[in-house]
Amino acid sequence: MERLWAPWRIQYIQMAKPEGCILCDKPQQNRDELNYILYRGSKNFIILNAYPFNPGHLMVAPYRHIASLEELTDNELHEHFEMVRRGIRLLKKTFHPDGFNIGMNTGKMAGAGIDKHLHTHIVPRWQGDSNFMPVVADTRVVPEALAETYNKLKRNL
């Protein structure tokens, strides 16, 4: 039997699910490295997804707690997509992916895990990064710890 070792997942499984909104709470804590916040703008920030689809899976979120794209002010919207572009450049420089999935899930029915706080996912993709695990075991294999990914990205900002 093959075994996959992903020690960081046990923290998520065992932790009490936090009250409130992590995309509001994390930036207020001013513990960016601990919370994997890579970059702060005046209206938005870039954070590593703590439960990534692939290494380097980033999220861009406004500081303001809003649920939908049309609620962004023009300044928030412009900076948001400037930060998406910054995240793509950073991932290209650091990991050299073959492509990206970039998108938003707005609303619980659209698949949003954090459905009341708008955010954009930037998922780097590589040829062959999807293997048999999602198909036969409904499991994703992420081959790098978050702290290591954070440190690589932070060096290239």
C-alpha atoms as a PDB file:
ATOM      1  CA  MET A   1       0.000   0.000   0.000  1.00  0.00           C
ATOM      2  CA  GLU A   2       1.295   3.462  -0.939  1.00  0.00           C
ATOM      3  CA  ARG A   3       1.263   6.113   1.780  1.00  0.00           C
ATOM      4  CA  LEU A   4       1.108   9.863   1.278  1.00  0.00           C
ATOM      5  CA  TRP A   5       2.551  12.042   3.998  1.00  0.00           C
ATOM      6  CA  ALA A   6       0.973  15.491   4.381  1.00  0.00           C
ATOM      7  CA  PRO A   7       1.583  16.432   8.039  1.00  0.00           C
ATOM      8  CA  TRP A   8       0.130  19.940   7.753  1.00  0.00           C
ATOM      9  CA  ARG A   9      -3.356  18.542   6.988  1.00  0.00           C
ATOM     10  CA  ILE A  10      -3.833  17.204  10.532  1.00  0.00           C
ATOM     11  CA  GLN A  11      -3.856  20.764  11.882  1.00  0.00           C
ATOM     12  CA  TYR A  12      -6.810  21.583   9.650  1.00  0.00           C
ATOM     13  CA  ILE A  13      -8.647  18.356  10.480  1.00  0.00           C
ATOM     14  CA  GLN A  14      -8.284  18.770  14.239  1.00  0.00           C
ATOM     15  CA  MET A  15      -8.645  22.518  14.618  1.00  0.00           C
ATOM     16  CA  ALA A  16     -11.810  24.171  15.803  1.00  0.00           C
ATOM     17  CA  LYS A  17     -13.159  26.077  12.861  1.00  0.00           C
ATOM     18  CA  PRO A  18     -12.624  29.783  13.549  1.00  0.00           C
ATOM     19  CA  GLU A  19     -15.451  32.216  14.104  1.00  0.00           C
ATOM     20  CA  GLY A  20     -15.504  35.223  11.863  1.00  0.00           C
ATOM     21  CA  CYS A  21     -13.731  35.672   8.558  1.00  0.00           C
ATOM     22  CA  ILE A  22     -10.110  34.622   8.072  1.00  0.00           C
ATOM     23  CA  LEU A  23      -9.690  37.137   5.240  1.00  0.00           C
ATOM     24  CA  CYS A  24     -10.636  39.905   7.681  1.00  0.00           C
ATOM     25  CA  ASP A  25      -8.888  38.491  10.750  1.00  0.00           C
ATOM     26  CA  LYS A  26      -5.486  37.456   9.348  1.00  0.00           C
ATOM     27  CA  PRO A  27      -4.419  40.909   8.060  1.00  0.00           C
ATOM     28  CA  GLN A  28      -5.391  42.541  11.375  1.00  0.00           C
ATOM     29  CA  GLN A  29      -3.085  40.237  13.342  1.00  0.00           C
ATOM     30  CA  ASN A  30       0.095  41.766  11.833  1.00  0.00           C
ATOM     31  CA  ARG A  31       1.773  38.333  11.794  1.00  0.00           C
ATOM     32  CA  ASP A  32       2.276  38.133   8.058  1.00  0.00           C
ATOM     33  CA  GLU A  33       4.799  35.289   7.959  1.00  0.00           C
ATOM     34  CA  LEU A  34       2.777  33.133  10.350  1.00  0.00           C
ATOM     35  CA  ASN A  35      -0.401  33.854   8.348  1.00  0.00           C
ATOM     36  CA  TYR A  36       1.343  33.497   4.951  1.00  0.00           C
ATOM     37  CA  ILE A  37       0.488  37.033   3.861  1.00  0.00           C
ATOM     38  CA  LEU A  38       2.995  37.715   1.097  1.00  0.00           C
ATOM     39  CA  TYR A  39       2.167  41.250   0.089  1.00  0.00           C
ATOM     40  CA  ARG A  40       0.016  44.138   1.300  1.00  0.00           C
ATOM     41  CA  GLY A  41      -1.386  46.895  -0.847  1.00  0.00           C
ATOM     42  CA  SER A  42      -3.476  49.778   0.390  1.00  0.00           C
ATOM     43  CA  LYS A  43      -6.805  48.086  -0.458  1.00  0.00           C
ATOM     44  CA  ASN A  44      -5.956  44.390  -1.064  1.00  0.00           C
ATOM     45  CA  PHE A  45      -3.448  41.758   0.001  1.00  0.00           C
ATOM     46  CA  ILE A  46      -1.925  38.512  -1.335  1.00  0.00           C
ATOM     47  CA  ILE A  47      -2.027  35.425   0.866  1.00  0.00           C
ATOM     48  CA  LEU A  48      -1.064  31.788   0.324  1.00  0.00           C
ATOM     49  CA  ASN A  49      -4.014  29.441   0.364  1.00  0.00           C
ATOM     50  CA  ALA A  50      -3.530  27.346   3.517  1.00  0.00           C
ATOM     51  CA  TYR A  51      -5.115  24.301   1.832  1.00  0.00           C
ATOM     52  CA  PRO A  52      -3.719  24.639  -1.688  1.00  0.00           C
ATOM     53  CA  PHE A  53      -4.650  22.926  -4.898  1.00  0.00           C
ATOM     54  CA  ASN A  54      -0.967  23.179  -5.966  1.00  0.00           C
ATOM     55  CA  PRO A  55       2.204  24.674  -4.446  1.00  0.00           C
ATOM     56  CA  GLY A  56       2.052  28.449  -4.730  1.00  0.00           C
ATOM     57  CA  HIS A  57      -1.758  28.650  -4.742  1.00  0.00           C
ATOM     58  CA  LEU A  58      -2.355  32.325  -3.939  1.00  0.00           C
ATOM     59  CA  MET A  59      -5.415  34.368  -3.108  1.00  0.00           C
ATOM     60  CA  VAL A  60      -5.889  38.105  -3.592  1.00  0.00           C
ATOM     61  CA  ALA A  61      -8.498  39.663  -1.295  1.00  0.00           C
ATOM     62  CA  PRO A  62      -9.651  43.158  -0.421  1.00  0.00           C
ATOM     63  CA  TYR A  63      -9.288  44.194   3.204  1.00  0.00           C
ATOM     64  CA  ARG A  64     -12.920  45.283   3.104  1.00  0.00           C
ATOM     65  CA  HIS A  65     -15.414  42.501   3.837  1.00  0.00           C
ATOM     66  CA  ILE A  66     -17.530  42.338   0.692  1.00  0.00           C
ATOM     67  CA  ALA A  67     -19.092  39.376  -1.070  1.00  0.00           C
ATOM     68  CA  SER A  68     -19.180  40.314  -4.743  1.00  0.00           C
ATOM     69  CA  LEU A  69     -17.097  41.883  -7.467  1.00  0.00           C
ATOM     70  CA  GLU A  70     -19.544  44.689  -8.182  1.00  0.00           C
ATOM     71  CA  GLU A  71     -19.176  45.940  -4.591  1.00  0.00           C
ATOM     72  CA  LEU A  72     -15.500  46.867  -5.154  1.00  0.00           C
ATOM     73  CA  THR A  73     -14.784  50.549  -5.603  1.00  0.00           C
ATOM     74  CA  ASP A  74     -12.882  51.496  -8.747  1.00  0.00           C
ATOM     75  CA  ASN A  75      -9.678  51.893  -6.692  1.00  0.00           C
ATOM     76  CA  GLU A  76     -10.154  48.508  -4.982  1.00  0.00           C
ATOM     77  CA  LEU A  77     -10.893  46.838  -8.322  1.00  0.00           C
ATOM     78  CA  HIS A  78      -7.846  48.335 -10.043  1.00  0.00           C
ATOM     79  CA  GLU A  79      -5.497  47.388  -7.210  1.00  0.00           C
ATOM     80  CA  HIS A  80      -7.067  43.924  -6.915  1.00  0.00           C
ATOM     81  CA  PHE A  81      -6.232  43.026 -10.492  1.00  0.00           C
ATOM     82  CA  GLU A  82      -2.819  44.710 -10.297  1.00  0.00           C
ATOM     83  CA  MET A  83      -2.146  42.318  -7.413  1.00  0.00           C
ATOM     84  CA  VAL A  84      -3.405  39.355  -9.441  1.00  0.00           C
ATOM     85  CA  ARG A  85      -0.884  40.377 -12.095  1.00  0.00           C
ATOM     86  CA  ARG A  86       1.831  40.759  -9.415  1.00  0.00           C
ATOM     87  CA  GLY A  87       1.018  37.274  -8.101  1.00  0.00           C
ATOM     88  CA  ILE A  88       1.289  35.757 -11.577  1.00  0.00           C
ATOM     89  CA  ARG A  89       4.675  37.425 -12.146  1.00  0.00           C
ATOM     90  CA  LEU A  90       5.902  36.224  -8.756  1.00  0.00           C
ATOM     91  CA  LEU A  91       4.817  32.644  -9.414  1.00  0.00           C
ATOM     92  CA  LYS A  92       6.410  32.668 -12.877  1.00  0.00           C
ATOM     93  CA  LYS A  93       9.691  33.954 -11.440  1.00  0.00           C
ATOM     94  CA  THR A  94       9.698  31.505  -8.534  1.00  0.00           C
ATOM     95  CA  PHE A  95       8.174  28.275  -9.849  1.00  0.00           C
ATOM     96  CA  HIS A  96       8.079  28.556 -13.671  1.00  0.00           C
ATOM     97  CA  PRO A  97       4.592  27.028 -14.088  1.00  0.00           C
ATOM     98  CA  ASP A  98       3.250  26.025 -17.491  1.00  0.00           C
ATOM     99  CA  GLY A  99      -0.027  27.880 -16.935  1.00  0.00           C
ATOM    100  CA  PHE A 100      -2.531  29.175 -14.381  1.00  0.00           C
ATOM    101  CA  ASN A 101      -6.094  28.773 -13.239  1.00  0.00           C
ATOM    102  CA  ILE A 102      -7.323  32.201 -12.135  1.00  0.00           C
ATOM    103  CA  GLY A 103     -10.812  32.735 -10.828  1.00  0.00           C
ATOM    104  CA  MET A 104     -13.406  33.653  -8.236  1.00  0.00           C
ATOM    105  CA  ASN A 105     -16.163  31.561  -6.729  1.00  0.00           C
ATOM    106  CA  THR A 106     -18.759  34.081  -5.591  1.00  0.00           C
ATOM    107  CA  GLY A 107     -21.406  32.598  -3.339  1.00  0.00           C
ATOM    108  CA  LYS A 108     -21.688  29.256  -1.589  1.00  0.00           C
ATOM    109  CA  MET A 109     -23.561  27.672  -4.504  1.00  0.00           C
ATOM    110  CA  ALA A 110     -20.666  28.618  -6.801  1.00  0.00           C
ATOM    111  CA  GLY A 111     -18.261  26.670  -4.602  1.00  0.00           C
ATOM    112  CA  ALA A 112     -16.857  29.476  -2.463  1.00  0.00           C
ATOM    113  CA  GLY A 113     -15.313  28.147   0.744  1.00  0.00           C
ATOM    114  CA  ILE A 114     -15.225  31.688   2.099  1.00  0.00           C
ATOM    115  CA  ASP A 115     -18.460  32.868   0.557  1.00  0.00           C
ATOM    116  CA  LYS A 116     -18.902  36.272   2.199  1.00  0.00           C
ATOM    117  CA  HIS A 117     -15.450  37.723   1.429  1.00  0.00           C
ATOM    118  CA  LEU A 118     -14.516  38.170  -2.222  1.00  0.00           C
ATOM    119  CA  HIS A 119     -11.144  36.746  -3.274  1.00  0.00           C
ATOM    120  CA  THR A 120      -9.384  35.689  -6.462  1.00  0.00           C
ATOM    121  CA  HIS A 121      -7.507  32.383  -6.686  1.00  0.00           C
ATOM    122  CA  ILE A 122      -4.255  32.129  -8.638  1.00  0.00           C
ATOM    123  CA  VAL A 123      -3.327  28.462  -9.056  1.00  0.00           C
ATOM    124  CA  PRO A 124      -0.073  27.638 -10.865  1.00  0.00           C
ATOM    125  CA  ARG A 125      -0.293  24.589 -13.113  1.00  0.00           C
ATOM    126  CA  TRP A 126       2.330  22.290 -14.598  1.00  0.00           C
ATOM    127  CA  GLN A 127       2.169  19.695 -17.318  1.00  0.00           C
ATOM    128  CA  GLY A 128       1.237  16.450 -15.576  1.00  0.00           C
ATOM    129  CA  ASP A 129       0.413  18.022 -12.196  1.00  0.00           C
ATOM    130  CA  SER A 130      -2.917  16.234 -12.073  1.00  0.00           C
ATOM    131  CA  ASN A 131      -2.466  12.530 -11.462  1.00  0.00           C
ATOM    132  CA  PHE A 132      -4.588   9.552 -10.518  1.00  0.00           C
ATOM    133  CA  MET A 133      -5.198  10.679  -6.928  1.00  0.00           C
ATOM    134  CA  PRO A 134      -8.049  13.150  -7.608  1.00  0.00           C
ATOM    135  CA  VAL A 135      -9.747  10.586  -9.828  1.00  0.00           C
ATOM    136  CA  VAL A 136      -9.547   7.422  -7.729  1.00  0.00           C
ATOM    137  CA  ALA A 137      -9.124   8.747  -4.181  1.00  0.00           C
ATOM    138  CA  ASP A 138     -10.699  12.235  -4.261  1.00  0.00           C
ATOM    139  CA  THR A 139      -7.352  13.435  -2.861  1.00  0.00           C
ATOM    140  CA  ARG A 140      -4.935  16.134  -3.965  1.00  0.00           C
ATOM    141  CA  VAL A 141      -1.211  15.706  -3.409  1.00  0.00           C
ATOM    142  CA  VAL A 142       0.651  18.937  -2.642  1.00  0.00           C
ATOM    143  CA  PRO A 143       4.370  18.153  -2.646  1.00  0.00           C
ATOM    144  CA  GLU A 144       5.657  21.133  -0.677  1.00  0.00           C
ATOM    145  CA  ALA A 145       5.014  22.532   2.812  1.00  0.00           C
ATOM    146  CA  LEU A 146       3.440  25.994   3.007  1.00  0.00           C
ATOM    147  CA  ALA A 147       6.326  27.538   4.932  1.00  0.00           C
ATOM    148  CA  GLU A 148       8.772  26.461   2.228  1.00  0.00           C
ATOM    149  CA  THR A 149       6.525  27.841  -0.519  1.00  0.00           C
ATOM    150  CA  TYR A 150       6.078  31.111   1.411  1.00  0.00           C
ATOM    151  CA  ASN A 151       9.841  31.556   1.849  1.00  0.00           C
ATOM    152  CA  LYS A 152      10.535  30.927  -1.852  1.00  0.00           C
ATOM    153  CA  LEU A 153       7.894  33.434  -2.912  1.00  0.00           C
ATOM    154  CA  LYS A 154       8.893  36.041  -0.320  1.00  0.00           C
ATOM    155  CA  ARG A 155      12.513  35.988  -1.582  1.00  0.00           C
ATOM    156  CA  ASN A 156      11.305  36.850  -5.083  1.00  0.00           C
ATOM    157  CA  LEU A 157       8.925  39.702  -4.246  1.00  0.00           C
END
